[in-house]
C-alpha cells in the first residue's frame, strides 16, 4: 500500500534535486570567469567540473521511469554542491552578469536609447 507512495516521493525528490543540479550548472557556465576570482571563490573551471559531476551522478540516481535509481537516498546528498553554489557563490557573482562582461561596449543588439 505504501510502496507506490514511497516510489512517487523518491521520484519527486530525485527529479527535483536533478533539476537544481542542472540549473546550477547552466548558471555557472553562463557567468564570466573573472567573477569567480574577483569574489574570492574557487575558479569557474572548478565549479563547472564539480557541478557537471553532480549533474551526471544526479542523472544516474534518478528514480524510474526516468532513470535507474542506482543511488537510492544517496542521490539526495549529491545535490549538496549545487545548493552551496546557489546559496554562496551565485549571489557573489551575480553582479558581474552573464557572458564576457562586454555588455557596455556598444554591441547591444536590442536597440534602446
PDB file of N, CA and C in Angstrom:
ATOM      1  N   UNK A   1       0.821  -1.192   0.000  1.00  0.00           N
ATOM      2  CA  UNK A   1       0.000   0.000   0.000  1.00  0.00           C
ATOM      3  C   UNK A   1       0.868   1.261   0.000  1.00  0.00           C
ATOM      4  N   UNK A   2       1.951   1.276   0.801  1.00  0.00           N
ATOM      5  CA  UNK A   2       2.790   2.452   0.872  1.00  0.00           C
ATOM      6  C   UNK A   2       3.922   2.427  -0.152  1.00  0.00           C
ATOM      7  N   UNK A   3       4.157   1.309  -0.799  1.00  0.00           N
ATOM      8  CA  UNK A   3       5.231   1.186  -1.777  1.00  0.00           C
ATOM      9  C   UNK A   3       5.120   2.176  -2.917  1.00  0.00           C
ATOM     10  N   UNK A   4       3.971   2.261  -3.594  1.00  0.00           N
ATOM     11  CA  UNK A   4       3.850   3.232  -4.685  1.00  0.00           C
ATOM     12  C   UNK A   4       3.986   4.680  -4.210  1.00  0.00           C
ATOM     13  N   UNK A   5       3.501   4.965  -3.016  1.00  0.00           N
ATOM     14  CA  UNK A   5       3.625   6.323  -2.483  1.00  0.00           C
ATOM     15  C   UNK A   5       5.095   6.656  -2.212  1.00  0.00           C
ATOM     16  N   UNK A   6       5.827   5.713  -1.665  1.00  0.00           N
ATOM     17  CA  UNK A   6       7.249   5.921  -1.419  1.00  0.00           C
ATOM     18  C   UNK A   6       8.018   6.106  -2.726  1.00  0.00           C
ATOM     19  N   UNK A   7       7.669   5.337  -3.731  1.00  0.00           N
ATOM     20  CA  UNK A   7       8.323   5.484  -5.034  1.00  0.00           C
ATOM     21  C   UNK A   7       8.029   6.849  -5.640  1.00  0.00           C
ATOM     22  N   UNK A   8       6.804   7.312  -5.491  1.00  0.00           N
ATOM     23  CA  UNK A   8       6.429   8.622  -6.015  1.00  0.00           C
ATOM     24  C   UNK A   8       7.191   9.736  -5.293  1.00  0.00           C
ATOM     25  N   UNK A   9       7.319   9.621  -3.982  1.00  0.00           N
ATOM     26  CA  UNK A   9       8.046  10.625  -3.216  1.00  0.00           C
ATOM     27  C   UNK A   9       9.526  10.628  -3.605  1.00  0.00           C
ATOM     28  N   UNK A  10      10.130   9.446  -3.725  1.00  0.00           N
ATOM     29  CA  UNK A  10      11.537   9.369  -4.129  1.00  0.00           C
ATOM     30  C   UNK A  10      11.747   9.921  -5.532  1.00  0.00           C
ATOM     31  N   UNK A  11      10.809   9.636  -6.436  1.00  0.00           N
ATOM     32  CA  UNK A  11      10.904  10.173  -7.792  1.00  0.00           C
ATOM     33  C   UNK A  11      10.860  11.695  -7.755  1.00  0.00           C
ATOM     34  N   UNK A  12       9.928  12.256  -6.977  1.00  0.00           N
ATOM     35  CA  UNK A  12       9.812  13.713  -6.893  1.00  0.00           C
ATOM     36  C   UNK A  12      11.072  14.334  -6.295  1.00  0.00           C
ATOM     37  N   UNK A  13      11.625  13.714  -5.265  1.00  0.00           N
ATOM     38  CA  UNK A  13      12.828  14.245  -4.631  1.00  0.00           C
ATOM     39  C   UNK A  13      14.046  14.179  -5.555  1.00  0.00           C
ATOM     40  N   UNK A  14      14.255  13.041  -6.196  1.00  0.00           N
ATOM     41  CA  UNK A  14      15.419  12.915  -7.071  1.00  0.00           C
ATOM     42  C   UNK A  14      15.284  13.787  -8.318  1.00  0.00           C
ATOM     43  N   UNK A  15      14.074  13.897  -8.859  1.00  0.00           N
ATOM     44  CA  UNK A  15      13.870  14.759 -10.031  1.00  0.00           C
ATOM     45  C   UNK A  15      14.063  16.225  -9.650  1.00  0.00           C
ATOM     46  N   UNK A  16      13.588  16.616  -8.483  1.00  0.00           N
ATOM     47  CA  UNK A  16      13.786  17.988  -8.021  1.00  0.00           C
ATOM     48  C   UNK A  16      15.259  18.311  -7.813  1.00  0.00           C
ATOM     49  N   UNK A  17      15.984  17.391  -7.195  1.00  0.00           N
ATOM     50  CA  UNK A  17      17.423  17.597  -6.983  1.00  0.00           C
ATOM     51  C   UNK A  17      18.157  17.661  -8.317  1.00  0.00           C
ATOM     52  N   UNK A  18      17.780  16.815  -9.257  1.00  0.00           N
ATOM     53  CA  UNK A  18      18.416  16.839 -10.570  1.00  0.00           C
ATOM     54  C   UNK A  18      18.149  18.173 -11.275  1.00  0.00           C
ATOM     55  N   UNK A  19      16.940  18.689 -11.154  1.00  0.00           N
ATOM     56  CA  UNK A  19      16.614  19.984 -11.764  1.00  0.00           C
ATOM     57  C   UNK A  19      17.472  21.099 -11.151  1.00  0.00           C
ATOM     58  N   UNK A  20      17.668  21.066  -9.843  1.00  0.00           N
ATOM     59  CA  UNK A  20      18.511  22.056  -9.175  1.00  0.00           C
ATOM     60  C   UNK A  20      19.960  21.926  -9.647  1.00  0.00           C
ATOM     61  N   UNK A  21      20.441  20.695  -9.800  1.00  0.00           N
ATOM     62  CA  UNK A  21      21.812  20.467 -10.258  1.00  0.00           C
ATOM     63  C   UNK A  21      22.032  21.008 -11.667  1.00  0.00           C
ATOM     64  N   UNK A  22      21.080  20.778 -12.544  1.00  0.00           N
ATOM     65  CA  UNK A  22      21.199  21.267 -13.924  1.00  0.00           C
ATOM     66  C   UNK A  22      21.121  22.790 -13.947  1.00  0.00           C
ATOM     67  N   UNK A  23      20.225  23.372 -13.157  1.00  0.00           N
ATOM     68  CA  UNK A  23      20.104  24.828 -13.094  1.00  0.00           C
ATOM     69  C   UNK A  23      21.407  25.454 -12.612  1.00  0.00           C
ATOM     70  N   UNK A  24      21.994  24.893 -11.556  1.00  0.00           N
ATOM     71  CA  UNK A  24      23.249  25.426 -11.025  1.00  0.00           C
ATOM     72  C   UNK A  24      24.369  25.314 -12.063  1.00  0.00           C
ATOM     73  N   UNK A  25      24.439  24.195 -12.769  1.00  0.00           N
ATOM     74  CA  UNK A  25      25.465  24.014 -13.793  1.00  0.00           C
ATOM     75  C   UNK A  25      25.313  25.028 -14.921  1.00  0.00           C
ATOM     76  N   UNK A  26      24.109  25.202 -15.420  1.00  0.00           N
ATOM     77  CA  UNK A  26      23.878  26.151 -16.516  1.00  0.00           C
ATOM     78  C   UNK A  26      24.188  27.576 -16.065  1.00  0.00           C
ATOM     79  N   UNK A  27      23.791  27.915 -14.846  1.00  0.00           N
ATOM     80  CA  UNK A  27      24.074  29.248 -14.324  1.00  0.00           C
ATOM     81  C   UNK A  27      25.581  29.472 -14.212  1.00  0.00           C
ATOM     82  N   UNK A  28      26.290  28.488 -13.722  1.00  0.00           N
ATOM     83  CA  UNK A  28      27.747  28.591 -13.578  1.00  0.00           C
ATOM     84  C   UNK A  28      28.417  28.771 -14.939  1.00  0.00           C
ATOM     85  N   UNK A  29      27.983  28.031 -15.923  1.00  0.00           N
ATOM     86  CA  UNK A  29      28.589  28.108 -17.254  1.00  0.00           C
ATOM     87  C   UNK A  29      28.342  29.464 -17.917  1.00  0.00           C
ATOM     88  N   UNK A  30      27.279  30.139 -17.543  1.00  0.00           N
ATOM     89  CA  UNK A  30      26.948  31.425 -18.155  1.00  0.00           C
ATOM     90  C   UNK A  30      27.680  32.602 -17.517  1.00  0.00           C
ATOM     91  N   UNK A  31      28.234  32.417 -16.335  1.00  0.00           N
ATOM     92  CA  UNK A  31      28.915  33.514 -15.628  1.00  0.00           C
ATOM     93  C   UNK A  31      30.327  33.714 -16.164  1.00  0.00           C
ATOM     94  N   UNK A  32      30.828  34.955 -16.150  1.00  0.00           N
ATOM     95  CA  UNK A  32      32.206  35.189 -16.607  1.00  0.00           C
ATOM     96  C   UNK A  32      33.208  34.626 -15.601  1.00  0.00           C
ATOM     97  N   UNK A  33      34.324  34.135 -16.094  1.00  0.00           N
ATOM     98  CA  UNK A  33      35.333  33.505 -15.242  1.00  0.00           C
ATOM     99  C   UNK A  33      35.937  34.495 -14.255  1.00  0.00           C
ATOM    100  N   UNK A  34      36.068  35.746 -14.646  1.00  0.00           N
ATOM    101  CA  UNK A  34      36.678  36.739 -13.769  1.00  0.00           C
ATOM    102  C   UNK A  34      35.839  37.004 -12.536  1.00  0.00           C
ATOM    103  N   UNK A  35      34.540  36.750 -12.607  1.00  0.00           N
ATOM    104  CA  UNK A  35      33.666  36.992 -11.460  1.00  0.00           C
ATOM    105  C   UNK A  35      34.021  36.081 -10.293  1.00  0.00           C
ATOM    106  N   UNK A  36      34.382  34.854 -10.578  1.00  0.00           N
ATOM    107  CA  UNK A  36      34.695  33.895  -9.521  1.00  0.00           C
ATOM    108  C   UNK A  36      35.966  34.296  -8.780  1.00  0.00           C
ATOM    109  N   UNK A  37      37.005  34.638  -9.522  1.00  0.00           N
ATOM    110  CA  UNK A  37      38.263  35.000  -8.872  1.00  0.00           C
ATOM    111  C   UNK A  37      38.185  36.375  -8.220  1.00  0.00           C
ATOM    112  N   UNK A  38      37.415  37.292  -8.801  1.00  0.00           N
ATOM    113  CA  UNK A  38      37.267  38.619  -8.212  1.00  0.00           C
ATOM    114  C   UNK A  38      36.575  38.567  -6.859  1.00  0.00           C
ATOM    115  N   UNK A  39      35.691  37.628  -6.687  1.00  0.00           N
ATOM    116  CA  UNK A  39      34.946  37.499  -5.434  1.00  0.00           C
ATOM    117  C   UNK A  39      35.604  36.548  -4.445  1.00  0.00           C
ATOM    118  N   UNK A  40      36.776  36.025  -4.780  1.00  0.00           N
ATOM    119  CA  UNK A  40      37.489  35.153  -3.867  1.00  0.00           C
ATOM    120  C   UNK A  40      36.916  33.751  -3.766  1.00  0.00           C
ATOM    121  N   UNK A  41      36.193  33.338  -4.773  1.00  0.00           N
ATOM    122  CA  UNK A  41      35.638  31.984  -4.814  1.00  0.00           C
ATOM    123  C   UNK A  41      36.589  31.091  -5.615  1.00  0.00           C
ATOM    124  N   UNK A  42      36.343  29.814  -5.599  1.00  0.00           N
ATOM    125  CA  UNK A  42      37.126  28.910  -6.445  1.00  0.00           C
ATOM    126  C   UNK A  42      36.913  29.312  -7.896  1.00  0.00           C
ATOM    127  N   UNK A  43      37.727  28.787  -8.785  1.00  0.00           N
ATOM    128  CA  UNK A  43      37.656  29.182 -10.187  1.00  0.00           C
ATOM    129  C   UNK A  43      36.381  28.650 -10.857  1.00  0.00           C
ATOM    130  N   UNK A  44      36.080  29.240 -11.986  1.00  0.00           N
ATOM    131  CA  UNK A  44      34.924  28.798 -12.763  1.00  0.00           C
ATOM    132  C   UNK A  44      35.109  27.360 -13.214  1.00  0.00           C
ATOM    133  N   UNK A  45      36.336  26.993 -13.570  1.00  0.00           N
ATOM    134  CA  UNK A  45      36.599  25.626 -14.006  1.00  0.00           C
ATOM    135  C   UNK A  45      36.296  24.638 -12.872  1.00  0.00           C
ATOM    136  N   UNK A  46      36.701  24.965 -11.650  1.00  0.00           N
ATOM    137  CA  UNK A  46      36.422  24.099 -10.500  1.00  0.00           C
ATOM    138  C   UNK A  46      34.928  23.892 -10.333  1.00  0.00           C
ATOM    139  N   UNK A  47      34.171  25.002 -10.313  1.00  0.00           N
ATOM    140  CA  UNK A  47      32.726  24.888 -10.109  1.00  0.00           C
ATOM    141  C   UNK A  47      32.040  24.195 -11.281  1.00  0.00           C
ATOM    142  N   UNK A  48      32.513  24.446 -12.497  1.00  0.00           N
ATOM    143  CA  UNK A  48      31.915  23.790 -13.670  1.00  0.00           C
ATOM    144  C   UNK A  48      32.109  22.279 -13.612  1.00  0.00           C
ATOM    145  N   UNK A  49      33.326  21.850 -13.273  1.00  0.00           N
ATOM    146  CA  UNK A  49      33.582  20.407 -13.178  1.00  0.00           C
ATOM    147  C   UNK A  49      32.801  19.775 -12.021  1.00  0.00           C
ATOM    148  N   UNK A  50      32.779  20.443 -10.880  1.00  0.00           N
ATOM    149  CA  UNK A  50      32.058  19.911  -9.720  1.00  0.00           C
ATOM    150  C   UNK A  50      30.566  19.805 -10.004  1.00  0.00           C
ATOM    151  N   UNK A  51      29.987  20.860 -10.548  1.00  0.00           N
ATOM    152  CA  UNK A  51      28.550  20.851 -10.827  1.00  0.00           C
ATOM    153  C   UNK A  51      28.203  19.916 -11.982  1.00  0.00           C
ATOM    154  N   UNK A  52      29.099  19.798 -12.962  1.00  0.00           N
ATOM    155  CA  UNK A  52      28.883  18.836 -14.042  1.00  0.00           C
ATOM    156  C   UNK A  52      28.888  17.412 -13.517  1.00  0.00           C
ATOM    157  N   UNK A  53      29.816  17.126 -12.610  1.00  0.00           N
ATOM    158  CA  UNK A  53      29.868  15.795 -11.995  1.00  0.00           C
ATOM    159  C   UNK A  53      28.629  15.495 -11.165  1.00  0.00           C
ATOM    160  N   UNK A  54      28.165  16.495 -10.418  1.00  0.00           N
ATOM    161  CA  UNK A  54      26.968  16.257  -9.612  1.00  0.00           C
ATOM    162  C   UNK A  54      25.739  16.067 -10.493  1.00  0.00           C
ATOM    163  N   UNK A  55      25.669  16.798 -11.601  1.00  0.00           N
ATOM    164  CA  UNK A  55      24.539  16.612 -12.508  1.00  0.00           C
ATOM    165  C   UNK A  55      24.568  15.225 -13.150  1.00  0.00           C
ATOM    166  N   UNK A  56      25.754  14.755 -13.490  1.00  0.00           N
ATOM    167  CA  UNK A  56      25.879  13.419 -14.072  1.00  0.00           C
ATOM    168  C   UNK A  56      25.479  12.339 -13.069  1.00  0.00           C
ATOM    169  N   UNK A  57      25.998  12.439 -11.860  1.00  0.00           N
ATOM    170  CA  UNK A  57      25.641  11.455 -10.833  1.00  0.00           C
ATOM    171  C   UNK A  57      24.167  11.588 -10.460  1.00  0.00           C
ATOM    172  N   UNK A  58      23.661  12.811 -10.435  1.00  0.00           N
ATOM    173  CA  UNK A  58      22.240  13.018 -10.169  1.00  0.00           C
ATOM    174  C   UNK A  58      21.361  12.392 -11.233  1.00  0.00           C
ATOM    175  N   UNK A  59      21.812  12.443 -12.482  1.00  0.00           N
ATOM    176  CA  UNK A  59      21.067  11.794 -13.562  1.00  0.00           C
ATOM    177  C   UNK A  59      21.045  10.278 -13.369  1.00  0.00           C
ATOM    178  N   UNK A  60      22.186   9.729 -12.981  1.00  0.00           N
ATOM    179  CA  UNK A  60      22.240   8.280 -12.745  1.00  0.00           C
ATOM    180  C   UNK A  60      21.397   7.874 -11.546  1.00  0.00           C
ATOM    181  N   UNK A  61      21.199   8.799 -10.616  1.00  0.00           N
ATOM    182  CA  UNK A  61      20.418   8.496  -9.423  1.00  0.00           C
ATOM    183  C   UNK A  61      18.928   8.712  -9.563  1.00  0.00           C
ATOM    184  N   UNK A  62      18.487   9.200 -10.716  1.00  0.00           N
ATOM    185  CA  UNK A  62      17.050   9.412 -10.916  1.00  0.00           C
ATOM    186  C   UNK A  62      16.287   8.095 -10.760  1.00  0.00           C
ATOM    187  N   UNK A  63      15.157   8.183 -10.133  1.00  0.00           N
ATOM    188  CA  UNK A  63      14.308   7.013  -9.940  1.00  0.00           C
ATOM    189  C   UNK A  63      13.541   6.706 -11.227  1.00  0.00           C
ATOM    190  N   UNK A  64      13.116   5.452 -11.405  1.00  0.00           N
ATOM    191  CA  UNK A  64      12.295   5.120 -12.573  1.00  0.00           C
ATOM    192  C   UNK A  64      11.015   5.950 -12.555  1.00  0.00           C
ATOM    193  N   UNK A  65      10.516   6.345 -13.684  1.00  0.00           N
ATOM    194  CA  UNK A  65      10.746   5.894 -15.053  1.00  0.00           C
ATOM    195  C   UNK A  65      11.833   6.665 -15.797  1.00  0.00           C
ATOM    196  N   UNK A  66      12.424   7.712 -15.205  1.00  0.00           N
ATOM    197  CA  UNK A  66      13.451   8.486 -15.911  1.00  0.00           C
ATOM    198  C   UNK A  66      14.846   7.904 -15.775  1.00  0.00           C
ATOM    199  N   UNK A  67      15.107   7.178 -14.730  1.00  0.00           N
ATOM    200  CA  UNK A  67      16.442   6.653 -14.501  1.00  0.00           C
ATOM    201  C   UNK A  67      16.396   5.254 -13.922  1.00  0.00           C
ATOM    202  N   UNK A  68      17.544   4.859 -13.367  1.00  0.00           N
ATOM    203  CA  UNK A  68      17.646   3.502 -12.828  1.00  0.00           C
ATOM    204  C   UNK A  68      17.600   3.485 -11.310  1.00  0.00           C
ATOM    205  N   UNK A  69      17.815   4.613 -10.674  1.00  0.00           N
ATOM    206  CA  UNK A  69      17.758   4.689  -9.228  1.00  0.00           C
ATOM    207  C   UNK A  69      18.870   3.949  -8.527  1.00  0.00           C
ATOM    208  N   UNK A  70      20.073   3.992  -9.091  1.00  0.00           N
ATOM    209  CA  UNK A  70      21.209   3.270  -8.520  1.00  0.00           C
ATOM    210  C   UNK A  70      21.563   3.727  -7.112  1.00  0.00           C
ATOM    211  N   UNK A  71      21.397   4.995  -6.835  1.00  0.00           N
ATOM    212  CA  UNK A  71      21.917   5.551  -5.596  1.00  0.00           C
ATOM    213  C   UNK A  71      20.939   5.525  -4.428  1.00  0.00           C
ATOM    214  N   UNK A  72      19.687   5.355  -4.708  1.00  0.00           N
ATOM    215  CA  UNK A  72      18.697   5.388  -3.637  1.00  0.00           C
ATOM    216  C   UNK A  72      18.652   6.757  -2.989  1.00  0.00           C
ATOM    217  N   UNK A  73      18.640   6.784  -1.672  1.00  0.00           N
ATOM    218  CA  UNK A  73      18.558   8.037  -0.935  1.00  0.00           C
ATOM    219  C   UNK A  73      19.848   8.856  -1.032  1.00  0.00           C
ATOM    220  N   UNK A  74      20.942   8.221  -1.372  1.00  0.00           N
ATOM    221  CA  UNK A  74      22.216   8.928  -1.516  1.00  0.00           C
ATOM    222  C   UNK A  74      22.182   9.933  -2.665  1.00  0.00           C
ATOM    223  N   UNK A  75      21.261   9.760  -3.594  1.00  0.00           N
ATOM    224  CA  UNK A  75      21.138  10.702  -4.710  1.00  0.00           C
ATOM    225  C   UNK A  75      20.808  12.101  -4.204  1.00  0.00           C
ATOM    226  N   UNK A  76      20.189  12.188  -3.050  1.00  0.00           N
ATOM    227  CA  UNK A  76      19.849  13.491  -2.499  1.00  0.00           C
ATOM    228  C   UNK A  76      21.095  14.196  -1.962  1.00  0.00           C
ATOM    229  N   UNK A  77      22.061  13.440  -1.482  1.00  0.00           N
ATOM    230  CA  UNK A  77      23.296  14.029  -0.953  1.00  0.00           C
ATOM    231  C   UNK A  77      24.181  14.602  -2.055  1.00  0.00           C
ATOM    232  N   UNK A  78      24.023  14.078  -3.245  1.00  0.00           N
ATOM    233  CA  UNK A  78      24.834  14.539  -4.372  1.00  0.00           C
ATOM    234  C   UNK A  78      24.509  15.992  -4.709  1.00  0.00           C
ATOM    235  N   UNK A  79      23.325  16.460  -4.363  1.00  0.00           N
ATOM    236  CA  UNK A  79      22.904  17.820  -4.697  1.00  0.00           C
ATOM    237  C   UNK A  79      23.526  18.878  -3.791  1.00  0.00           C
ATOM    238  N   UNK A  80      24.242  18.488  -2.755  1.00  0.00           N
ATOM    239  CA  UNK A  80      24.790  19.456  -1.801  1.00  0.00           C
ATOM    240  C   UNK A  80      25.697  20.495  -2.460  1.00  0.00           C
ATOM    241  N   UNK A  81      26.630  20.120  -3.350  1.00  0.00           N
ATOM    242  CA  UNK A  81      27.444  21.168  -4.004  1.00  0.00           C
ATOM    243  C   UNK A  81      26.606  22.168  -4.803  1.00  0.00           C
ATOM    244  N   UNK A  82      25.516  21.713  -5.375  1.00  0.00           N
ATOM    245  CA  UNK A  82      24.650  22.625  -6.127  1.00  0.00           C
ATOM    246  C   UNK A  82      23.989  23.631  -5.197  1.00  0.00           C
ATOM    247  N   UNK A  83      23.559  23.164  -4.037  1.00  0.00           N
ATOM    248  CA  UNK A  83      22.958  24.078  -3.064  1.00  0.00           C
ATOM    249  C   UNK A  83      24.001  25.064  -2.529  1.00  0.00           C
ATOM    250  N   UNK A  84      25.227  24.615  -2.341  1.00  0.00           N
ATOM    251  CA  UNK A  84      26.296  25.506  -1.894  1.00  0.00           C
ATOM    252  C   UNK A  84      26.559  26.569  -2.960  1.00  0.00           C
ATOM    253  N   UNK A  85      26.617  26.154  -4.225  1.00  0.00           N
ATOM    254  CA  UNK A  85      26.827  27.113  -5.303  1.00  0.00           C
ATOM    255  C   UNK A  85      25.697  28.143  -5.330  1.00  0.00           C
ATOM    256  N   UNK A  86      24.461  27.681  -5.236  1.00  0.00           N
ATOM    257  CA  UNK A  86      23.319  28.583  -5.355  1.00  0.00           C
ATOM    258  C   UNK A  86      23.180  29.531  -4.169  1.00  0.00           C
ATOM    259  N   UNK A  87      23.622  29.126  -2.988  1.00  0.00           N
ATOM    260  CA  UNK A  87      23.459  29.982  -1.815  1.00  0.00           C
ATOM    261  C   UNK A  87      24.688  30.822  -1.487  1.00  0.00           C
ATOM    262  N   UNK A  88      25.864  30.418  -1.937  1.00  0.00           N
ATOM    263  CA  UNK A  88      27.079  31.151  -1.592  1.00  0.00           C
ATOM    264  C   UNK A  88      27.737  31.802  -2.805  1.00  0.00           C
ATOM    265  N   UNK A  89      27.982  31.033  -3.837  1.00  0.00           N
ATOM    266  CA  UNK A  89      28.748  31.538  -4.981  1.00  0.00           C
ATOM    267  C   UNK A  89      27.874  32.383  -5.902  1.00  0.00           C
ATOM    268  N   UNK A  90      26.701  31.910  -6.233  1.00  0.00           N
ATOM    269  CA  UNK A  90      25.852  32.623  -7.191  1.00  0.00           C
ATOM    270  C   UNK A  90      25.523  34.050  -6.743  1.00  0.00           C
ATOM    271  N   UNK A  91      25.134  34.284  -5.467  1.00  0.00           N
ATOM    272  CA  UNK A  91      24.888  35.680  -5.076  1.00  0.00           C
ATOM    273  C   UNK A  91      26.130  36.578  -5.205  1.00  0.00           C
ATOM    274  N   UNK A  92      27.309  35.996  -5.035  1.00  0.00           N
ATOM    275  CA  UNK A  92      28.534  36.794  -5.143  1.00  0.00           C
ATOM    276  C   UNK A  92      28.871  37.146  -6.583  1.00  0.00           C
ATOM    277  N   UNK A  93      28.598  36.253  -7.519  1.00  0.00           N
ATOM    278  CA  UNK A  93      28.972  36.505  -8.920  1.00  0.00           C
ATOM    279  C   UNK A  93      27.837  37.110  -9.744  1.00  0.00           C
ATOM    280  N   UNK A  94      26.656  37.233  -9.187  1.00  0.00           N
ATOM    281  CA  UNK A  94      25.515  37.773  -9.931  1.00  0.00           C
ATOM    282  C   UNK A  94      25.746  39.200 -10.423  1.00  0.00           C
ATOM    283  N   UNK A  95      26.362  40.095  -9.639  1.00  0.00           N
ATOM    284  CA  UNK A  95      26.558  41.463 -10.154  1.00  0.00           C
ATOM    285  C   UNK A  95      27.409  41.546 -11.417  1.00  0.00           C
ATOM    286  N   UNK A  96      28.166  40.526 -11.729  1.00  0.00           N
ATOM    287  CA  UNK A  96      29.021  40.540 -12.918  1.00  0.00           C
ATOM    288  C   UNK A  96      28.250  40.206 -14.191  1.00  0.00           C
ATOM    289  N   UNK A  97      27.009  39.789 -14.057  1.00  0.00           N
ATOM    290  CA  UNK A  97      26.189  39.489 -15.217  1.00  0.00           C
ATOM    291  C   UNK A  97      26.557  38.176 -15.872  1.00  0.00           C
ATOM    292  N   UNK A  98      26.205  38.070 -17.152  1.00  0.00           N
ATOM    293  CA  UNK A  98      26.469  36.853 -17.919  1.00  0.00           C
ATOM    294  C   UNK A  98      27.481  37.139 -19.008  1.00  0.00           C
ATOM    295  N   UNK A  99      28.088  36.094 -19.510  1.00  0.00           N
ATOM    296  CA  UNK A  99      28.984  36.211 -20.658  1.00  0.00           C
ATOM    297  C   UNK A  99      30.319  36.813 -20.305  1.00  0.00           C
ATOM    298  N   UNK A 100      30.900  37.508 -21.269  1.00  0.00           N
ATOM    299  CA  UNK A 100      32.257  38.021 -21.109  1.00  0.00           C
ATOM    300  C   UNK A 100      32.301  39.369 -20.415  1.00  0.00           C
ATOM    301  N   UNK A 101      31.147  39.954 -20.163  1.00  0.00           N
ATOM    302  CA  UNK A 101      31.130  41.235 -19.472  1.00  0.00           C
ATOM    303  C   UNK A 101      31.278  42.429 -20.388  1.00  0.00           C
ATOM    304  N   UNK A 102      31.069  42.281 -21.692  1.00  0.00           N
ATOM    305  CA  UNK A 102      31.201  43.372 -22.644  1.00  0.00           C
ATOM    306  C   UNK A 102      29.862  44.009 -22.973  1.00  0.00           C
ATOM    307  N   UNK A 103      28.916  43.971 -22.050  1.00  0.00           N
ATOM    308  CA  UNK A 103      27.583  44.477 -22.352  1.00  0.00           C
ATOM    309  C   UNK A 103      27.569  45.983 -22.551  1.00  0.00           C
ATOM    310  N   UNK A 104      28.536  46.699 -22.012  1.00  0.00           N
ATOM    311  CA  UNK A 104      28.558  48.143 -22.162  1.00  0.00           C
ATOM    312  C   UNK A 104      29.412  48.620 -23.324  1.00  0.00           C
ATOM    313  N   UNK A 105      29.814  47.772 -24.213  1.00  0.00           N
ATOM    314  CA  UNK A 105      30.733  48.156 -25.275  1.00  0.00           C
ATOM    315  C   UNK A 105      30.036  48.633 -26.541  1.00  0.00           C
ATOM    316  N   UNK A 106      28.735  48.812 -26.496  1.00  0.00           N
ATOM    317  CA  UNK A 106      28.042  49.294 -27.680  1.00  0.00           C
ATOM    318  C   UNK A 106      27.564  48.182 -28.596  1.00  0.00           C
ATOM    319  N   UNK A 107      27.718  46.960 -28.222  1.00  0.00           N
ATOM    320  CA  UNK A 107      27.280  45.847 -29.053  1.00  0.00           C
ATOM    321  C   UNK A 107      25.886  45.370 -28.684  1.00  0.00           C
ATOM    322  N   UNK A 108      25.094  46.226 -28.113  1.00  0.00           N
ATOM    323  CA  UNK A 108      23.763  45.841 -27.668  1.00  0.00           C
ATOM    324  C   UNK A 108      22.861  45.731 -28.890  1.00  0.00           C
ATOM    325  N   UNK A 109      22.377  44.546 -29.190  1.00  0.00           N
ATOM    326  CA  UNK A 109      21.588  44.319 -30.392  1.00  0.00           C
ATOM    327  C   UNK A 109      20.096  44.517 -30.137  1.00  0.00           C
ATOM    328  N   UNK A 110      19.719  44.872 -28.923  1.00  0.00           N
ATOM    329  CA  UNK A 110      18.304  45.059 -28.612  1.00  0.00           C
ATOM    330  C   UNK A 110      17.811  46.448 -28.993  1.00  0.00           C
ATOM    331  N   UNK A 111      18.678  47.308 -29.299  1.00  0.00           N
ATOM    332  CA  UNK A 111      18.256  48.671 -29.563  1.00  0.00           C
ATOM    333  C   UNK A 111      18.199  49.446 -28.269  1.00  0.00           C
ATOM    334  N   UNK A 112      17.328  50.390 -28.152  1.00  0.00           N
ATOM    335  CA  UNK A 112      17.176  51.147 -26.918  1.00  0.00           C
ATOM    336  C   UNK A 112      17.691  52.541 -27.089  1.00  0.00           C
ATOM    337  N   UNK A 113      18.050  53.160 -26.016  1.00  0.00           N
ATOM    338  CA  UNK A 113      18.427  54.553 -26.017  1.00  0.00           C
ATOM    339  C   UNK A 113      19.822  54.748 -26.438  1.00  0.00           C
TER     340      UNK A 113
END
